[in-house]
Amino acid sequence: MPHRIFSMPRNGVAMNSREREALLIDDASKAVKAAMQSFDGTFGEVPFCKSTDFGMLSADEQVGVHQTEMAHYRDRPDVSAVHFCLTSAQALLEISQTLLRQANQLTPLEQERSWKRLAEDAKVAGRSAYRAVLILSDPSVARMAASDRARAANA
């Protein structure tokens, strides 16, 4: 039989380690959301069109969206990469929340929905982290960022 660790939260009700971990993940999720809002408020939103939305656009609209995204990524690579890292972190925290809170007795339909949501969150997390790396590893972006840093240092 597994050993349970209990702690006393502020409201005086004992909780097990799983519940405590779920609360810590909730706090981390709130912190990441606040960071995302603050970051977007400071630097502006980073343009991004989900692939499902992108596929519904006309060819001309797709070109326009792609050009807008790429221009932003080239102009502000660090800001863009941080945005996607925060997006990835948020998706991973949502996966963790789901796993820790998942009821043992889900109906087959609820189980299927849960796994689909987990799969979607995993895609968002992976794709966002990958996009951040691509933005920062693009040689043209790296040259522009280095040039910008040199200009700022000389100013």
N, C-alpha and C. Protein backbone atom coordinates (compact mmCIF):
# COMPACT_ATOMS: atom_id res chain seq x y z
N MET A 1 0.85 -1.17 0.00
CA MET A 1 0.00 0.00 0.00
C MET A 1 0.90 1.24 0.00
N PRO A 2 0.65 2.18 -0.93
CA PRO A 2 1.52 3.35 -1.01
C PRO A 2 1.37 4.25 0.21
N HIS A 3 2.48 4.85 0.56
CA HIS A 3 2.50 5.79 1.68
C HIS A 3 1.98 7.14 1.21
N ARG A 4 1.04 7.71 1.92
CA ARG A 4 0.49 9.02 1.55
C ARG A 4 1.07 10.09 2.46
N ILE A 5 1.45 11.17 1.84
CA ILE A 5 1.95 12.31 2.59
C ILE A 5 0.82 13.33 2.66
N PHE A 6 0.51 13.76 3.85
CA PHE A 6 -0.55 14.74 4.03
C PHE A 6 0.04 16.06 4.49
N SER A 7 -0.57 17.12 4.04
CA SER A 7 -0.18 18.43 4.51
C SER A 7 -1.44 19.21 4.83
N MET A 8 -1.27 20.29 5.54
CA MET A 8 -2.41 21.10 5.92
C MET A 8 -2.39 22.39 5.10
N PRO A 9 -3.36 22.55 4.20
CA PRO A 9 -3.44 23.80 3.46
C PRO A 9 -3.99 24.91 4.34
N ARG A 10 -4.06 26.09 3.81
CA ARG A 10 -4.51 27.25 4.57
C ARG A 10 -5.92 27.07 5.15
N ASN A 11 -6.77 26.33 4.47
CA ASN A 11 -8.15 26.19 4.96
C ASN A 11 -8.28 25.11 6.04
N GLY A 12 -7.18 24.44 6.39
CA GLY A 12 -7.19 23.48 7.48
C GLY A 12 -7.61 22.08 7.11
N VAL A 13 -7.86 21.80 5.82
CA VAL A 13 -8.27 20.47 5.39
C VAL A 13 -7.02 19.73 4.88
N ALA A 14 -6.83 18.50 5.37
CA ALA A 14 -5.67 17.73 4.96
C ALA A 14 -5.79 17.32 3.50
N MET A 15 -4.63 17.28 2.81
CA MET A 15 -4.64 16.83 1.42
C MET A 15 -3.47 15.88 1.21
N ASN A 16 -3.63 15.00 0.24
CA ASN A 16 -2.56 14.06 -0.05
C ASN A 16 -1.56 14.70 -1.01
N SER A 17 -0.48 13.98 -1.28
CA SER A 17 0.58 14.55 -2.12
C SER A 17 0.10 14.84 -3.55
N ARG A 18 -0.78 14.02 -4.08
CA ARG A 18 -1.31 14.25 -5.43
C ARG A 18 -2.09 15.56 -5.49
N GLU A 19 -2.90 15.80 -4.48
CA GLU A 19 -3.67 17.05 -4.43
C GLU A 19 -2.73 18.25 -4.27
N ARG A 20 -1.71 18.10 -3.43
CA ARG A 20 -0.75 19.17 -3.21
C ARG A 20 0.00 19.49 -4.52
N GLU A 21 0.39 18.47 -5.23
CA GLU A 21 1.09 18.66 -6.51
C GLU A 21 0.16 19.34 -7.52
N ALA A 22 -1.11 18.96 -7.51
CA ALA A 22 -2.07 19.59 -8.43
C ALA A 22 -2.19 21.08 -8.12
N LEU A 23 -2.18 21.45 -6.85
CA LEU A 23 -2.25 22.86 -6.49
C LEU A 23 -0.99 23.60 -6.91
N LEU A 24 0.17 22.96 -6.78
CA LEU A 24 1.42 23.59 -7.23
C LEU A 24 1.41 23.82 -8.74
N ILE A 25 0.88 22.85 -9.46
CA ILE A 25 0.80 22.99 -10.92
C ILE A 25 -0.20 24.08 -11.28
N ASP A 26 -1.30 24.18 -10.53
CA ASP A 26 -2.26 25.27 -10.74
C ASP A 26 -1.57 26.62 -10.56
N ASP A 27 -0.77 26.73 -9.49
CA ASP A 27 -0.05 27.98 -9.24
C ASP A 27 0.93 28.29 -10.37
N ALA A 28 1.63 27.27 -10.84
CA ALA A 28 2.57 27.47 -11.95
C ALA A 28 1.83 27.90 -13.21
N SER A 29 0.68 27.29 -13.45
CA SER A 29 -0.12 27.65 -14.62
C SER A 29 -0.58 29.10 -14.54
N LYS A 30 -1.03 29.52 -13.36
CA LYS A 30 -1.45 30.91 -13.18
C LYS A 30 -0.27 31.86 -13.41
N ALA A 31 0.91 31.47 -12.93
CA ALA A 31 2.11 32.31 -13.11
C ALA A 31 2.48 32.42 -14.58
N VAL A 32 2.40 31.32 -15.31
CA VAL A 32 2.72 31.36 -16.75
C VAL A 32 1.69 32.20 -17.49
N LYS A 33 0.41 32.04 -17.15
CA LYS A 33 -0.63 32.86 -17.79
C LYS A 33 -0.38 34.35 -17.53
N ALA A 34 -0.03 34.68 -16.28
CA ALA A 34 0.25 36.08 -15.94
C ALA A 34 1.47 36.57 -16.72
N ALA A 35 2.48 35.73 -16.83
CA ALA A 35 3.68 36.11 -17.60
C ALA A 35 3.33 36.34 -19.06
N MET A 36 2.49 35.49 -19.62
CA MET A 36 2.08 35.64 -21.02
C MET A 36 1.32 36.95 -21.22
N GLN A 37 0.40 37.25 -20.30
CA GLN A 37 -0.37 38.49 -20.42
C GLN A 37 0.53 39.70 -20.27
N SER A 38 1.43 39.67 -19.32
CA SER A 38 2.35 40.78 -19.11
C SER A 38 3.28 40.94 -20.31
N PHE A 39 3.78 39.83 -20.79
CA PHE A 39 4.69 39.83 -21.93
C PHE A 39 4.00 40.41 -23.17
N ASP A 40 2.77 39.93 -23.44
CA ASP A 40 2.02 40.45 -24.58
C ASP A 40 1.70 41.93 -24.40
N GLY A 41 1.40 42.33 -23.16
CA GLY A 41 1.12 43.73 -22.89
C GLY A 41 2.33 44.62 -23.10
N THR A 42 3.50 44.10 -22.77
CA THR A 42 4.73 44.87 -22.93
C THR A 42 5.22 44.89 -24.37
N PHE A 43 5.21 43.74 -25.02
CA PHE A 43 5.82 43.62 -26.35
C PHE A 43 4.82 43.49 -27.49
N GLY A 44 3.55 43.39 -27.17
CA GLY A 44 2.54 43.18 -28.20
C GLY A 44 2.39 41.71 -28.51
N GLU A 45 1.27 41.38 -29.10
CA GLU A 45 1.01 39.98 -29.41
C GLU A 45 1.89 39.51 -30.56
N VAL A 46 2.22 38.25 -30.51
CA VAL A 46 3.01 37.62 -31.57
C VAL A 46 2.03 36.96 -32.53
N PRO A 47 2.10 37.31 -33.82
CA PRO A 47 1.15 36.73 -34.76
C PRO A 47 1.38 35.23 -34.95
N PHE A 48 0.29 34.49 -34.92
CA PHE A 48 0.36 33.05 -35.15
C PHE A 48 -1.01 32.57 -35.57
N CYS A 49 -1.05 31.79 -36.61
CA CYS A 49 -2.30 31.22 -37.11
C CYS A 49 -2.21 29.71 -36.96
N LYS A 50 -3.15 29.12 -36.24
CA LYS A 50 -3.18 27.67 -36.08
C LYS A 50 -3.35 27.01 -37.44
N SER A 51 -2.78 25.83 -37.57
CA SER A 51 -2.85 25.13 -38.87
C SER A 51 -4.28 24.86 -39.30
N THR A 52 -5.17 24.58 -38.34
CA THR A 52 -6.57 24.34 -38.72
C THR A 52 -7.21 25.60 -39.26
N ASP A 53 -6.88 26.75 -38.66
CA ASP A 53 -7.40 28.03 -39.16
C ASP A 53 -6.73 28.40 -40.48
N PHE A 54 -5.43 28.14 -40.56
CA PHE A 54 -4.67 28.47 -41.76
C PHE A 54 -5.22 27.73 -42.98
N GLY A 55 -5.58 26.48 -42.80
CA GLY A 55 -6.11 25.66 -43.89
C GLY A 55 -7.44 26.15 -44.42
N MET A 56 -8.15 26.93 -43.65
CA MET A 56 -9.46 27.44 -44.07
C MET A 56 -9.35 28.75 -44.84
N LEU A 57 -8.14 29.31 -44.90
CA LEU A 57 -7.93 30.57 -45.61
C LEU A 57 -7.71 30.33 -47.09
N SER A 58 -7.98 31.36 -47.88
CA SER A 58 -7.68 31.28 -49.32
C SER A 58 -6.17 31.30 -49.50
N ALA A 59 -5.71 30.94 -50.68
CA ALA A 59 -4.27 30.92 -50.95
C ALA A 59 -3.64 32.30 -50.73
N ASP A 60 -4.31 33.35 -51.19
CA ASP A 60 -3.80 34.70 -50.99
C ASP A 60 -3.74 35.07 -49.51
N GLU A 61 -4.77 34.70 -48.77
CA GLU A 61 -4.78 34.98 -47.33
C GLU A 61 -3.67 34.21 -46.62
N GLN A 62 -3.44 32.97 -47.04
CA GLN A 62 -2.36 32.17 -46.45
C GLN A 62 -1.01 32.84 -46.67
N VAL A 63 -0.78 33.34 -47.87
CA VAL A 63 0.49 34.03 -48.16
C VAL A 63 0.63 35.25 -47.25
N GLY A 64 -0.43 36.03 -47.12
CA GLY A 64 -0.40 37.22 -46.27
C GLY A 64 -0.11 36.90 -44.82
N VAL A 65 -0.79 35.87 -44.29
CA VAL A 65 -0.59 35.46 -42.90
C VAL A 65 0.85 34.99 -42.71
N HIS A 66 1.33 34.17 -43.62
CA HIS A 66 2.71 33.65 -43.51
C HIS A 66 3.72 34.80 -43.55
N GLN A 67 3.54 35.75 -44.44
CA GLN A 67 4.46 36.89 -44.53
C GLN A 67 4.44 37.73 -43.26
N THR A 68 3.25 37.94 -42.70
CA THR A 68 3.12 38.71 -41.45
C THR A 68 3.85 38.00 -40.31
N GLU A 69 3.61 36.69 -40.19
CA GLU A 69 4.29 35.93 -39.13
C GLU A 69 5.80 35.98 -39.30
N MET A 70 6.27 35.69 -40.48
CA MET A 70 7.72 35.64 -40.71
C MET A 70 8.38 37.00 -40.51
N ALA A 71 7.72 38.07 -40.92
CA ALA A 71 8.28 39.41 -40.72
C ALA A 71 8.43 39.70 -39.23
N HIS A 72 7.41 39.34 -38.45
CA HIS A 72 7.49 39.56 -37.01
C HIS A 72 8.61 38.72 -36.41
N TYR A 73 8.72 37.47 -36.79
CA TYR A 73 9.74 36.58 -36.24
C TYR A 73 11.14 37.10 -36.57
N ARG A 74 11.32 37.63 -37.78
CA ARG A 74 12.62 38.18 -38.16
C ARG A 74 12.92 39.50 -37.44
N ASP A 75 11.87 40.32 -37.28
CA ASP A 75 12.06 41.63 -36.64
C ASP A 75 12.25 41.50 -35.13
N ARG A 76 11.59 40.54 -34.53
CA ARG A 76 11.63 40.39 -33.06
C ARG A 76 11.80 38.92 -32.68
N PRO A 77 12.95 38.34 -33.04
CA PRO A 77 13.12 36.90 -32.80
C PRO A 77 13.08 36.51 -31.32
N ASP A 78 13.72 37.30 -30.46
CA ASP A 78 13.73 36.94 -29.04
C ASP A 78 12.33 37.00 -28.43
N VAL A 79 11.60 38.06 -28.76
CA VAL A 79 10.24 38.22 -28.25
C VAL A 79 9.36 37.08 -28.77
N SER A 80 9.50 36.77 -30.06
CA SER A 80 8.70 35.69 -30.65
C SER A 80 9.02 34.35 -29.99
N ALA A 81 10.31 34.07 -29.79
CA ALA A 81 10.72 32.79 -29.20
C ALA A 81 10.22 32.66 -27.76
N VAL A 82 10.33 33.73 -26.99
CA VAL A 82 9.85 33.68 -25.61
C VAL A 82 8.34 33.43 -25.58
N HIS A 83 7.62 34.09 -26.47
CA HIS A 83 6.17 33.86 -26.55
C HIS A 83 5.87 32.38 -26.77
N PHE A 84 6.57 31.76 -27.71
CA PHE A 84 6.29 30.35 -28.01
C PHE A 84 6.78 29.42 -26.90
N CYS A 85 7.82 29.79 -26.20
CA CYS A 85 8.25 29.00 -25.04
C CYS A 85 7.20 29.04 -23.93
N LEU A 86 6.64 30.23 -23.69
CA LEU A 86 5.57 30.35 -22.69
C LEU A 86 4.33 29.57 -23.11
N THR A 87 4.01 29.62 -24.40
CA THR A 87 2.88 28.86 -24.91
C THR A 87 3.09 27.36 -24.69
N SER A 88 4.30 26.90 -24.96
CA SER A 88 4.64 25.50 -24.75
C SER A 88 4.53 25.12 -23.28
N ALA A 89 5.07 25.96 -22.42
CA ALA A 89 5.01 25.69 -20.98
C ALA A 89 3.57 25.60 -20.50
N GLN A 90 2.73 26.51 -20.98
CA GLN A 90 1.32 26.49 -20.57
C GLN A 90 0.64 25.20 -21.01
N ALA A 91 0.90 24.77 -22.22
CA ALA A 91 0.29 23.53 -22.71
C ALA A 91 0.76 22.32 -21.89
N LEU A 92 2.03 22.29 -21.53
CA LEU A 92 2.55 21.18 -20.71
C LEU A 92 1.94 21.19 -19.31
N LEU A 93 1.74 22.38 -18.76
CA LEU A 93 1.09 22.46 -17.46
C LEU A 93 -0.35 22.00 -17.53
N GLU A 94 -1.03 22.30 -18.62
CA GLU A 94 -2.41 21.83 -18.79
C GLU A 94 -2.46 20.30 -18.87
N ILE A 95 -1.48 19.71 -19.53
CA ILE A 95 -1.39 18.24 -19.57
C ILE A 95 -1.21 17.70 -18.16
N SER A 96 -0.30 18.31 -17.41
CA SER A 96 -0.05 17.86 -16.04
C SER A 96 -1.29 17.99 -15.18
N GLN A 97 -2.02 19.10 -15.32
CA GLN A 97 -3.26 19.28 -14.56
C GLN A 97 -4.26 18.18 -14.89
N THR A 98 -4.41 17.89 -16.16
CA THR A 98 -5.36 16.86 -16.58
C THR A 98 -4.97 15.50 -16.00
N LEU A 99 -3.71 15.16 -16.08
CA LEU A 99 -3.25 13.86 -15.59
C LEU A 99 -3.43 13.73 -14.08
N LEU A 100 -3.15 14.79 -13.35
CA LEU A 100 -3.29 14.71 -11.89
C LEU A 100 -4.73 14.72 -11.42
N ARG A 101 -5.61 15.31 -12.21
CA ARG A 101 -7.01 15.43 -11.79
C ARG A 101 -7.91 14.39 -12.44
N GLN A 102 -7.35 13.60 -13.29
CA GLN A 102 -8.16 12.65 -14.03
C GLN A 102 -8.83 11.66 -13.08
N ALA A 103 -10.12 11.56 -13.19
CA ALA A 103 -10.88 10.63 -12.35
C ALA A 103 -10.57 9.20 -12.77
N ASN A 104 -10.58 8.33 -11.81
CA ASN A 104 -10.31 6.92 -12.08
C ASN A 104 -11.43 6.26 -12.87
N GLN A 105 -12.64 6.71 -12.68
CA GLN A 105 -13.80 6.08 -13.28
C GLN A 105 -14.40 6.96 -14.37
N LEU A 106 -13.69 7.15 -15.46
CA LEU A 106 -14.23 7.90 -16.59
C LEU A 106 -15.00 6.95 -17.49
N THR A 107 -16.07 7.47 -18.06
CA THR A 107 -16.78 6.68 -19.05
C THR A 107 -15.90 6.56 -20.29
N PRO A 108 -16.16 5.61 -21.15
CA PRO A 108 -15.35 5.50 -22.37
C PRO A 108 -15.36 6.79 -23.20
N LEU A 109 -16.49 7.47 -23.27
CA LEU A 109 -16.57 8.72 -24.01
C LEU A 109 -15.72 9.80 -23.34
N GLU A 110 -15.81 9.90 -22.02
CA GLU A 110 -15.00 10.87 -21.28
C GLU A 110 -13.51 10.57 -21.43
N GLN A 111 -13.16 9.28 -21.40
CA GLN A 111 -11.76 8.87 -21.56
C GLN A 111 -11.25 9.28 -22.94
N GLU A 112 -12.06 9.06 -23.96
CA GLU A 112 -11.67 9.42 -25.33
C GLU A 112 -11.47 10.93 -25.44
N ARG A 113 -12.39 11.71 -24.89
CA ARG A 113 -12.26 13.18 -24.92
C ARG A 113 -11.01 13.63 -24.18
N SER A 114 -10.76 13.00 -23.05
CA SER A 114 -9.58 13.36 -22.26
C SER A 114 -8.30 13.10 -23.04
N TRP A 115 -8.20 11.94 -23.67
CA TRP A 115 -6.99 11.61 -24.43
C TRP A 115 -6.84 12.52 -25.64
N LYS A 116 -7.94 12.88 -26.28
CA LYS A 116 -7.87 13.80 -27.42
C LYS A 116 -7.36 15.17 -26.97
N ARG A 117 -7.84 15.63 -25.82
CA ARG A 117 -7.39 16.92 -25.29
C ARG A 117 -5.91 16.86 -24.93
N LEU A 118 -5.49 15.77 -24.31
CA LEU A 118 -4.08 15.61 -23.97
C LEU A 118 -3.22 15.61 -25.24
N ALA A 119 -3.69 14.93 -26.27
CA ALA A 119 -2.95 14.89 -27.54
C ALA A 119 -2.86 16.29 -28.15
N GLU A 120 -3.94 17.05 -28.11
CA GLU A 120 -3.92 18.42 -28.65
C GLU A 120 -2.97 19.30 -27.87
N ASP A 121 -3.01 19.19 -26.54
CA ASP A 121 -2.09 19.99 -25.72
C ASP A 121 -0.64 19.61 -25.99
N ALA A 122 -0.39 18.32 -26.18
CA ALA A 122 0.98 17.86 -26.48
C ALA A 122 1.45 18.42 -27.83
N LYS A 123 0.56 18.46 -28.80
CA LYS A 123 0.92 19.03 -30.10
C LYS A 123 1.26 20.51 -29.96
N VAL A 124 0.43 21.24 -29.23
CA VAL A 124 0.69 22.67 -29.03
C VAL A 124 2.03 22.87 -28.34
N ALA A 125 2.29 22.09 -27.31
CA ALA A 125 3.55 22.22 -26.57
C ALA A 125 4.75 21.95 -27.48
N GLY A 126 4.69 20.85 -28.18
CA GLY A 126 5.81 20.48 -29.05
C GLY A 126 6.01 21.46 -30.20
N ARG A 127 4.93 21.81 -30.84
CA ARG A 127 5.03 22.73 -31.99
C ARG A 127 5.49 24.11 -31.56
N SER A 128 5.05 24.57 -30.41
CA SER A 128 5.45 25.89 -29.93
C SER A 128 6.94 25.91 -29.59
N ALA A 129 7.41 24.89 -28.90
CA ALA A 129 8.84 24.82 -28.58
C ALA A 129 9.67 24.71 -29.86
N TYR A 130 9.20 23.92 -30.79
CA TYR A 130 9.90 23.75 -32.07
C TYR A 130 9.94 25.07 -32.84
N ARG A 131 8.83 25.80 -32.85
CA ARG A 131 8.79 27.09 -33.53
C ARG A 131 9.77 28.07 -32.90
N ALA A 132 9.88 28.07 -31.58
CA ALA A 132 10.84 28.95 -30.89
C ALA A 132 12.26 28.64 -31.34
N VAL A 133 12.59 27.35 -31.42
CA VAL A 133 13.93 26.95 -31.85
C VAL A 133 14.17 27.35 -33.31
N LEU A 134 13.18 27.15 -34.16
CA LEU A 134 13.34 27.55 -35.57
C LEU A 134 13.57 29.04 -35.71
N ILE A 135 12.83 29.82 -34.96
CA ILE A 135 12.99 31.27 -35.02
C ILE A 135 14.41 31.67 -34.63
N LEU A 136 14.90 31.09 -33.55
CA LEU A 136 16.22 31.46 -33.06
C LEU A 136 17.37 30.85 -33.87
N SER A 137 17.09 29.76 -34.57
CA SER A 137 18.16 29.12 -35.33
C SER A 137 18.20 29.55 -36.79
N ASP A 138 17.24 30.36 -37.22
CA ASP A 138 17.23 30.87 -38.59
C ASP A 138 18.45 31.76 -38.78
N PRO A 139 19.34 31.43 -39.69
CA PRO A 139 20.57 32.23 -39.86
C PRO A 139 20.29 33.70 -40.15
N SER A 140 19.26 34.00 -40.91
CA SER A 140 18.97 35.41 -41.21
C SER A 140 18.50 36.13 -39.96
N VAL A 141 17.75 35.44 -39.12
CA VAL A 141 17.29 36.03 -37.86
C VAL A 141 18.48 36.24 -36.94
N ALA A 142 19.37 35.27 -36.85
CA ALA A 142 20.55 35.38 -35.98
C ALA A 142 21.42 36.56 -36.41
N ARG A 143 21.62 36.73 -37.72
CA ARG A 143 22.43 37.86 -38.20
C ARG A 143 21.76 39.18 -37.85
N MET A 144 20.45 39.25 -38.03
CA MET A 144 19.74 40.49 -37.73
C MET A 144 19.80 40.81 -36.24
N ALA A 145 19.64 39.80 -35.42
CA ALA A 145 19.67 40.00 -33.96
C ALA A 145 21.07 40.46 -33.53
N ALA A 146 22.11 39.85 -34.09
CA ALA A 146 23.48 40.25 -33.77
C ALA A 146 23.74 41.69 -34.21
N SER A 147 23.26 42.02 -35.38
CA SER A 147 23.40 43.38 -35.90
C SER A 147 22.68 44.38 -35.01
N ASP A 148 21.50 44.03 -34.57
CA ASP A 148 20.73 44.91 -33.68
C ASP A 148 21.45 45.11 -32.36
N ARG A 149 22.02 44.02 -31.81
CA ARG A 149 22.74 44.12 -30.55
C ARG A 149 23.99 45.00 -30.71
N ALA A 150 24.67 44.86 -31.85
CA ALA A 150 25.87 45.67 -32.10
C ALA A 150 25.50 47.14 -32.21
N ARG A 151 24.42 47.42 -32.91
CA ARG A 151 23.97 48.82 -33.04
C ARG A 151 23.59 49.40 -31.69
N ALA A 152 22.91 48.61 -30.87
CA ALA A 152 22.50 49.08 -29.54
C ALA A 152 23.72 49.34 -28.66
N ALA A 153 24.73 48.48 -28.78
CA ALA A 153 25.95 48.65 -27.99
C ALA A 153 26.72 49.89 -28.41
N ASN A 154 26.68 50.24 -29.68
CA ASN A 154 27.40 51.39 -30.22
C ASN A 154 26.63 52.69 -30.04
N ALA A 155 25.36 52.59 -29.71
CA ALA A 155 24.53 53.81 -29.60
C ALA A 155 24.79 54.58 -28.34
